[in-house]
Amino acid sequence: MTDRGHGWSGLVWDDWRNHEEIRRRLDEGADPDTWGSGGRPLHRAAAFGSPEVVAELARRVTDVDALEYGTTALWEALLSRQPDNVRALAEAGADPWRSQLGGWSVGRLGLAGPAPDLFPLPAGEPGLTEPQQQAAQEARRLIAALGDFYYDGLGLACVAGIDAEEAIRRLEATPVQNADLDDIVENPYDYDVDEILDIVGVTTVPGGCVLTQPWGYAPSMPGIHTRLSVGTVSSGLYANPKSGNQGSVARDGTIEGWDLHPGGGPDADHTPEEVLTAYLYNHEAVAYTCAYAGLRLTDARAVTGPPDAWVELPERDYWTY
C-alpha cells in the first residue's frame, strides 16, 4: 500500500479498539510499523486500543520494542494506565526491564503506579526507594483528594511555606470591595475578563497556600510569582482553553521555568525523579502543580472555591519582572 497514510487514513481514536477494523486494514496491506508522519501504530494501540488490537499488531510488527520518540509501546501503555495492554505486549515479547527515559524501565516504574503487581521484580533489579514509595503514595492520595472537576480557564499559583495572610501581604492585596462579587463568582463569563482579572482567591493549605482564579490567568502571571516566591517556590498553572495547560515556576523571586506542560508526561531530558513525578501525575495538571510546591491539599476547595479570602490585586504591570 503506497498511500501517505500507510493504510491508516481515516482512522479515529475509537477504531484502535475495533479488532475487526484493524485486522482488515492489516490484511489489506496497512503498514504495521508506520502510522502518519513516522509514528507507530502499536504505540497508538498501546495508548488507546484494546488488548486484542495490541496483540494483533504485536504479531505483525518488525520489532515489538521499536522506539517512538525514545520509548517503546510498552512504555506508552504503562503511561496511559492501560494494564491489559501492558500484559498483552509483555506476552508478545516486549521487554519490561529495558532502560528508557531517566533510566527507568517499565517494570520498575510500574511499581509506583496503580497496578504495581504487573511484573514480579527479578533478582538483581532494584525496586523503589523509600522516598519514591512515599512520592507514589502521596500522588495517589492527592489525586483522590482533589477529585474530578472541570478546570478549563483556571489560573493557579501554589506557594510553599507561606500562608494566605503572608501571600496577601506580599501582593499588597486588599479585600474585594466589588458589590457584585457573589455574581462574579457564580457567573464569571458574564463579565469582561479585564473587569475581574484583579480578583483572586487565597487559601492556606498544608504546606503553604494556593491562589486561584477559576476564570483567568492572573495567579500565573510572572509578577505574581516573583513576589510570592521570595525565599521559597511558586508553581503556576493556566489551563488555557485554546492551547492547553501552561505551567510556570518561580524560585526566590526569579522565574525558573515558563511555558511548561504540567501533567504532560515524562520528557527525554527529565531527571529520574522528574520522570517519576511526571508519570505519577500524568494528565493530572492541577495535582502536579500542587505537588511541585509540596502542598498537601485534603480537598479541592482551595482550587475551586470558596477560598479563605477573595482579594483584589493592586494595579501594576505583572508582566514586567
Protein backbone atom coordinates (compact mmCIF):
# COMPACT_ATOMS: atom_id res chain seq x y z
CA MET A 1 0.00 0.00 0.00
CA THR A 2 1.50 3.33 -1.08
CA ASP A 3 -0.85 5.99 0.28
CA ARG A 4 0.70 8.57 2.60
CA GLY A 5 -1.36 7.25 5.47
CA HIS A 6 0.33 3.84 5.15
CA GLY A 7 -3.11 2.23 5.13
CA TRP A 8 -4.34 4.03 8.27
CA SER A 9 -6.04 7.05 6.66
CA GLY A 10 -9.39 7.98 8.16
CA LEU A 11 -8.83 6.06 11.37
CA VAL A 12 -10.23 7.70 14.52
CA TRP A 13 -9.14 7.02 18.09
CA ASP A 14 -12.05 4.69 18.86
CA ASP A 15 -11.05 2.50 15.92
CA TRP A 16 -7.97 1.35 17.84
CA ARG A 17 -10.40 -0.69 19.94
CA ASN A 18 -12.03 -2.26 16.88
CA HIS A 19 -10.15 -5.50 16.35
CA GLU A 20 -12.03 -6.38 13.18
CA GLU A 21 -11.29 -2.98 11.58
CA ILE A 22 -7.59 -3.07 12.44
CA ARG A 23 -7.19 -6.65 11.26
CA ARG A 24 -8.98 -5.82 7.99
CA ARG A 25 -6.64 -2.93 7.30
CA LEU A 26 -3.58 -5.03 8.07
CA ASP A 27 -4.81 -7.82 5.80
CA GLU A 28 -5.33 -5.25 3.04
CA GLY A 29 -1.75 -4.04 3.34
CA ALA A 30 -1.65 -1.39 6.08
CA ASP A 31 1.90 -0.98 7.37
CA PRO A 32 2.10 -2.37 10.95
CA ASP A 33 5.30 -0.40 11.56
CA THR A 34 4.36 3.08 10.31
CA TRP A 35 1.49 5.44 11.10
CA GLY A 36 1.17 9.05 9.98
CA SER A 37 4.42 11.01 9.71
CA GLY A 38 6.76 8.45 11.20
CA GLY A 39 4.68 7.32 14.16
CA ARG A 40 3.96 3.70 15.02
CA PRO A 41 0.54 2.02 15.05
CA LEU A 42 1.50 -0.16 18.00
CA HIS A 43 2.14 2.91 20.13
CA ARG A 44 -1.32 4.28 19.24
CA ALA A 45 -2.95 0.97 20.07
CA ALA A 46 -0.98 0.68 23.31
CA ALA A 47 -2.35 4.05 24.46
CA PHE A 48 -5.92 3.95 23.13
CA GLY A 49 -6.65 0.45 21.90
CA SER A 50 -7.89 -2.87 23.17
CA PRO A 51 -5.65 -5.78 24.20
CA GLU A 52 -6.88 -7.70 21.15
CA VAL A 53 -5.74 -4.93 18.79
CA VAL A 54 -2.43 -4.64 20.63
CA ALA A 55 -1.85 -8.38 20.31
CA GLU A 56 -2.78 -8.32 16.60
CA LEU A 57 -0.32 -5.55 15.83
CA ALA A 58 2.37 -7.04 18.06
CA ARG A 59 2.26 -10.24 15.98
CA ARG A 60 2.88 -8.28 12.79
CA VAL A 61 5.45 -5.62 13.67
CA THR A 62 9.12 -5.99 12.88
CA ASP A 63 10.15 -5.20 16.46
CA VAL A 64 7.73 -5.12 19.39
CA ASP A 65 10.24 -2.94 21.27
CA ALA A 66 10.74 -0.41 18.44
CA LEU A 67 11.05 3.17 19.69
CA GLU A 68 8.89 6.20 19.01
CA TYR A 69 10.40 9.40 20.42
CA GLY A 70 12.68 7.33 22.61
CA THR A 71 10.18 4.96 24.20
CA THR A 72 8.54 1.63 23.40
CA ALA A 73 4.87 0.77 23.01
CA LEU A 74 5.08 -0.95 26.39
CA TRP A 75 6.09 2.37 27.96
CA GLU A 76 3.18 4.07 26.21
CA ALA A 77 0.73 1.51 27.58
CA LEU A 78 2.05 1.98 31.11
CA LEU A 79 1.96 5.77 30.88
CA SER A 80 -1.62 5.63 29.56
CA ARG A 81 -2.77 3.48 32.51
CA GLN A 82 -3.63 0.53 30.25
CA PRO A 83 -2.56 -2.53 32.31
CA ASP A 84 -4.28 -5.02 29.99
CA ASN A 85 -2.31 -3.60 27.07
CA VAL A 86 0.87 -3.81 29.13
CA ARG A 87 0.19 -7.50 29.70
CA ALA A 88 -0.62 -8.12 26.03
CA LEU A 89 2.67 -6.54 24.97
CA ALA A 90 4.64 -8.47 27.56
CA GLU A 91 3.06 -11.70 26.32
CA ALA A 92 4.15 -10.72 22.81
CA GLY A 93 7.74 -10.44 23.98
CA ALA A 94 8.12 -6.78 24.95
CA ASP A 95 10.93 -6.25 27.47
CA PRO A 96 9.65 -4.69 30.74
CA TRP A 97 13.18 -4.24 32.10
CA ARG A 98 14.62 -2.25 29.21
CA SER A 99 16.03 1.11 30.37
CA GLN A 100 14.10 4.06 28.94
CA LEU A 101 13.54 7.70 29.99
CA GLY A 102 15.58 8.73 33.01
CA GLY A 103 16.94 5.20 33.29
CA TRP A 104 13.53 3.86 34.29
CA SER A 105 12.21 0.57 32.95
CA VAL A 106 8.51 -0.13 32.57
CA GLY A 107 8.77 -2.86 35.19
CA ARG A 108 10.30 -0.60 37.82
CA LEU A 109 8.22 2.50 37.03
CA GLY A 110 5.09 0.36 37.16
CA LEU A 111 5.81 -0.37 40.83
CA ALA A 112 4.79 3.25 41.53
CA GLY A 113 1.54 3.07 39.58
CA PRO A 114 -2.00 1.86 40.19
CA ALA A 115 -1.10 -1.73 39.20
CA PRO A 116 2.21 -2.39 40.99
CA ASP A 117 1.94 -6.16 40.54
CA LEU A 118 2.24 -6.09 36.73
CA PHE A 119 5.70 -7.69 36.80
CA PRO A 120 7.46 -9.68 39.53
CA LEU A 121 10.71 -7.97 40.47
CA PRO A 122 13.60 -10.14 39.20
CA ALA A 123 16.63 -10.82 41.35
CA GLY A 124 19.12 -8.01 40.96
CA GLU A 125 16.57 -5.44 39.78
CA PRO A 126 16.19 -2.52 42.22
CA GLY A 127 12.72 -1.72 43.49
CA LEU A 128 11.55 1.71 44.57
CA THR A 129 13.46 3.61 47.22
CA GLU A 130 11.63 4.70 50.35
CA PRO A 131 11.28 8.32 49.10
CA GLN A 132 9.95 7.04 45.77
CA GLN A 133 7.39 4.85 47.53
CA GLN A 134 6.31 7.84 49.61
CA ALA A 135 6.03 10.02 46.48
CA ALA A 136 3.80 7.39 44.85
CA GLN A 137 1.59 7.13 47.93
CA GLU A 138 1.25 10.91 48.17
CA ALA A 139 0.37 11.17 44.48
CA ARG A 140 -2.46 8.67 44.87
CA ARG A 141 -3.70 10.46 47.98
CA LEU A 142 -3.55 13.94 46.46
CA ILE A 143 -5.23 12.98 43.18
CA ALA A 144 -8.03 11.26 45.08
CA ALA A 145 -8.42 14.20 47.47
CA LEU A 146 -8.78 16.70 44.63
CA GLY A 147 -11.23 14.53 42.71
CA ASP A 148 -12.52 15.34 39.25
CA PHE A 149 -13.71 18.79 38.26
CA TYR A 150 -13.79 20.96 35.15
CA TYR A 151 -10.85 23.35 35.20
CA ASP A 152 -10.53 24.89 31.73
CA GLY A 153 -9.79 28.59 32.18
CA LEU A 154 -8.37 28.10 35.68
CA GLY A 155 -5.40 30.11 36.91
CA LEU A 156 -3.43 28.75 39.85
CA ALA A 157 -0.37 29.55 41.94
CA CYS A 158 0.82 27.09 44.58
CA VAL A 159 3.32 28.54 47.03
CA ALA A 160 5.37 26.58 49.53
CA GLY A 161 5.92 27.61 53.12
CA ILE A 162 3.75 30.72 53.42
CA ASP A 163 0.10 31.05 54.44
CA ALA A 164 -2.71 33.05 52.86
CA GLU A 165 -2.10 36.05 55.13
CA GLU A 166 1.55 36.27 54.08
CA ALA A 167 0.66 35.86 50.42
CA ILE A 168 -1.83 38.73 50.66
CA ARG A 169 0.85 40.88 52.36
CA ARG A 170 3.43 40.13 49.67
CA LEU A 171 0.98 41.02 46.91
CA GLU A 172 -0.26 44.12 48.76
CA ALA A 173 -3.76 42.86 48.00
CA THR A 174 -6.90 44.14 49.71
CA PRO A 175 -10.32 42.62 50.45
CA VAL A 176 -12.63 42.78 47.45
CA GLN A 177 -15.00 45.76 47.58
CA ASN A 178 -16.95 44.84 44.45
CA ALA A 179 -20.62 44.52 45.36
CA ASP A 180 -21.07 42.04 42.53
CA LEU A 181 -18.56 39.55 43.96
CA ASP A 182 -21.11 36.79 44.52
CA ASP A 183 -22.41 37.14 40.98
CA ILE A 184 -18.87 37.26 39.57
CA VAL A 185 -18.01 34.00 41.33
CA GLU A 186 -21.20 32.33 40.13
CA ASN A 187 -21.21 33.75 36.59
CA PRO A 188 -17.69 34.92 35.74
CA TYR A 189 -18.18 34.62 31.99
CA ASP A 190 -20.95 37.18 32.09
CA TYR A 191 -18.18 39.76 32.66
CA ASP A 192 -15.35 41.05 30.52
CA VAL A 193 -12.24 39.24 31.75
CA ASP A 194 -10.34 42.52 32.14
CA GLU A 195 -13.00 43.72 34.59
CA ILE A 196 -12.42 40.84 37.01
CA LEU A 197 -8.81 39.82 36.35
CA ASP A 198 -7.66 41.56 39.54
CA ILE A 199 -9.84 39.34 41.78
CA VAL A 200 -8.18 36.18 43.13
CA GLY A 201 -8.91 33.71 45.90
CA VAL A 202 -6.29 32.87 48.54
CA THR A 203 -6.34 29.84 50.83
CA THR A 204 -3.97 28.37 53.40
CA VAL A 205 -3.36 24.63 52.86
CA PRO A 206 -0.99 22.08 54.41
CA GLY A 207 2.47 23.00 53.17
CA GLY A 208 1.71 26.55 52.02
CA CYS A 209 -1.05 28.40 50.21
CA VAL A 210 -2.98 28.48 46.94
CA LEU A 211 -4.02 31.43 44.77
CA THR A 212 -6.89 30.59 42.48
CA GLN A 213 -8.86 32.29 39.75
CA PRO A 214 -11.38 29.90 38.19
CA TRP A 215 -11.94 32.25 35.23
CA GLY A 216 -8.49 33.60 34.34
CA TYR A 217 -4.72 33.51 34.28
CA ALA A 218 -3.90 36.17 36.90
CA PRO A 219 -2.31 33.85 39.51
CA SER A 220 0.21 32.58 36.96
CA MET A 221 1.42 36.00 35.79
CA PRO A 222 5.20 36.48 36.25
CA GLY A 223 4.84 39.45 38.57
CA ILE A 224 2.66 37.40 40.92
CA HIS A 225 5.16 34.53 41.02
CA THR A 226 8.18 36.72 41.68
CA ARG A 227 6.52 38.41 44.64
CA LEU A 228 5.17 35.20 46.14
CA SER A 229 8.31 33.08 45.68
CA VAL A 230 10.81 35.16 47.66
CA GLY A 231 12.65 32.66 49.84
CA THR A 232 10.53 29.79 48.53
CA VAL A 233 8.99 28.32 45.36
CA SER A 234 5.79 29.11 43.47
CA SER A 235 4.33 26.74 40.89
CA GLY A 236 1.77 28.06 38.43
CA LEU A 237 -0.85 26.75 36.03
CA TYR A 238 -3.08 28.38 33.48
CA ALA A 239 -5.47 25.89 31.90
CA ASN A 240 -5.75 27.76 28.61
CA PRO A 241 -8.95 26.63 26.86
CA LYS A 242 -7.37 27.40 23.48
CA SER A 243 -3.91 25.86 23.80
CA GLY A 244 -3.90 23.55 26.82
CA ASN A 245 -2.19 23.60 30.19
CA GLN A 246 0.59 26.13 30.61
CA GLY A 247 2.90 25.81 33.59
CA SER A 248 5.42 28.09 35.25
CA VAL A 249 7.83 28.01 38.18
CA ALA A 250 9.47 30.79 40.18
CA ARG A 251 12.07 30.33 42.88
CA ASP A 252 13.24 33.02 45.30
CA GLY A 253 11.87 35.86 43.21
CA THR A 254 13.16 34.61 39.87
CA ILE A 255 11.25 32.93 37.07
CA GLU A 256 12.84 29.50 36.68
CA GLY A 257 10.53 27.88 34.11
CA TRP A 258 7.93 29.14 31.67
CA ASP A 259 5.59 27.59 29.10
CA LEU A 260 5.88 24.24 30.86
CA HIS A 261 3.44 21.36 30.45
CA PRO A 262 2.20 20.16 33.86
CA GLY A 263 0.55 16.77 33.66
CA GLY A 264 2.05 16.23 30.21
CA GLY A 265 4.08 13.10 30.95
CA PRO A 266 7.83 12.44 31.06
CA ASP A 267 10.26 14.01 28.58
CA ALA A 268 13.62 12.76 27.32
CA ASP A 269 15.51 15.49 29.20
CA HIS A 270 13.89 14.76 32.57
CA THR A 271 15.92 13.55 35.52
CA PRO A 272 14.94 10.19 37.06
CA GLU A 273 12.89 11.90 39.77
CA GLU A 274 11.21 14.19 37.25
CA VAL A 275 10.25 11.15 35.16
CA LEU A 276 8.70 9.55 38.23
CA THR A 277 6.76 12.71 39.11
CA ALA A 278 5.55 13.17 35.53
CA TYR A 279 4.37 9.55 35.45
CA LEU A 280 2.56 9.80 38.78
CA TYR A 281 0.73 12.98 37.74
CA ASN A 282 0.25 12.27 34.03
CA HIS A 283 -2.95 14.06 32.87
CA GLU A 284 -3.34 15.49 36.40
CA ALA A 285 -2.22 19.09 35.84
CA VAL A 286 -3.78 20.59 38.98
CA ALA A 287 -2.41 17.87 41.26
CA TYR A 288 1.02 18.17 39.60
CA THR A 289 1.09 21.93 40.21
CA CYS A 290 0.19 21.46 43.87
CA ALA A 291 2.68 18.63 44.35
CA TYR A 292 5.53 20.56 42.72
CA ALA A 293 5.33 23.08 45.54
CA GLY A 294 4.95 20.35 48.16
CA LEU A 295 1.35 21.27 49.00
CA ARG A 296 -0.74 18.51 50.56
CA LEU A 297 -4.33 19.55 49.91
CA THR A 298 -7.04 17.48 51.55
CA ASP A 299 -9.80 18.56 49.13
CA ALA A 300 -10.34 20.83 46.13
CA ARG A 301 -11.75 23.86 47.96
CA ALA A 302 -8.56 25.93 47.67
CA VAL A 303 -8.71 25.46 43.89
CA THR A 304 -12.42 25.54 43.09
CA GLY A 305 -13.57 27.74 45.98
CA PRO A 306 -14.79 29.15 48.15
CA PRO A 307 -11.31 30.32 49.22
CA ASP A 308 -10.34 31.65 52.63
CA ALA A 309 -10.46 35.15 51.15
CA TRP A 310 -11.26 36.90 47.90
CA VAL A 311 -8.82 39.76 47.40
CA GLU A 312 -8.15 42.45 44.86
CA LEU A 313 -4.68 42.86 43.35
CA PRO A 314 -3.27 46.38 43.15
CA GLU A 315 -3.00 47.87 39.69
CA ARG A 316 0.50 47.28 38.29
CA ASP A 317 2.29 45.64 35.35
CA TYR A 318 2.50 41.97 36.33
CA TRP A 319 4.20 41.01 33.07
CA THR A 320 7.34 43.00 33.83
CA TYR A 321 9.58 41.42 36.44
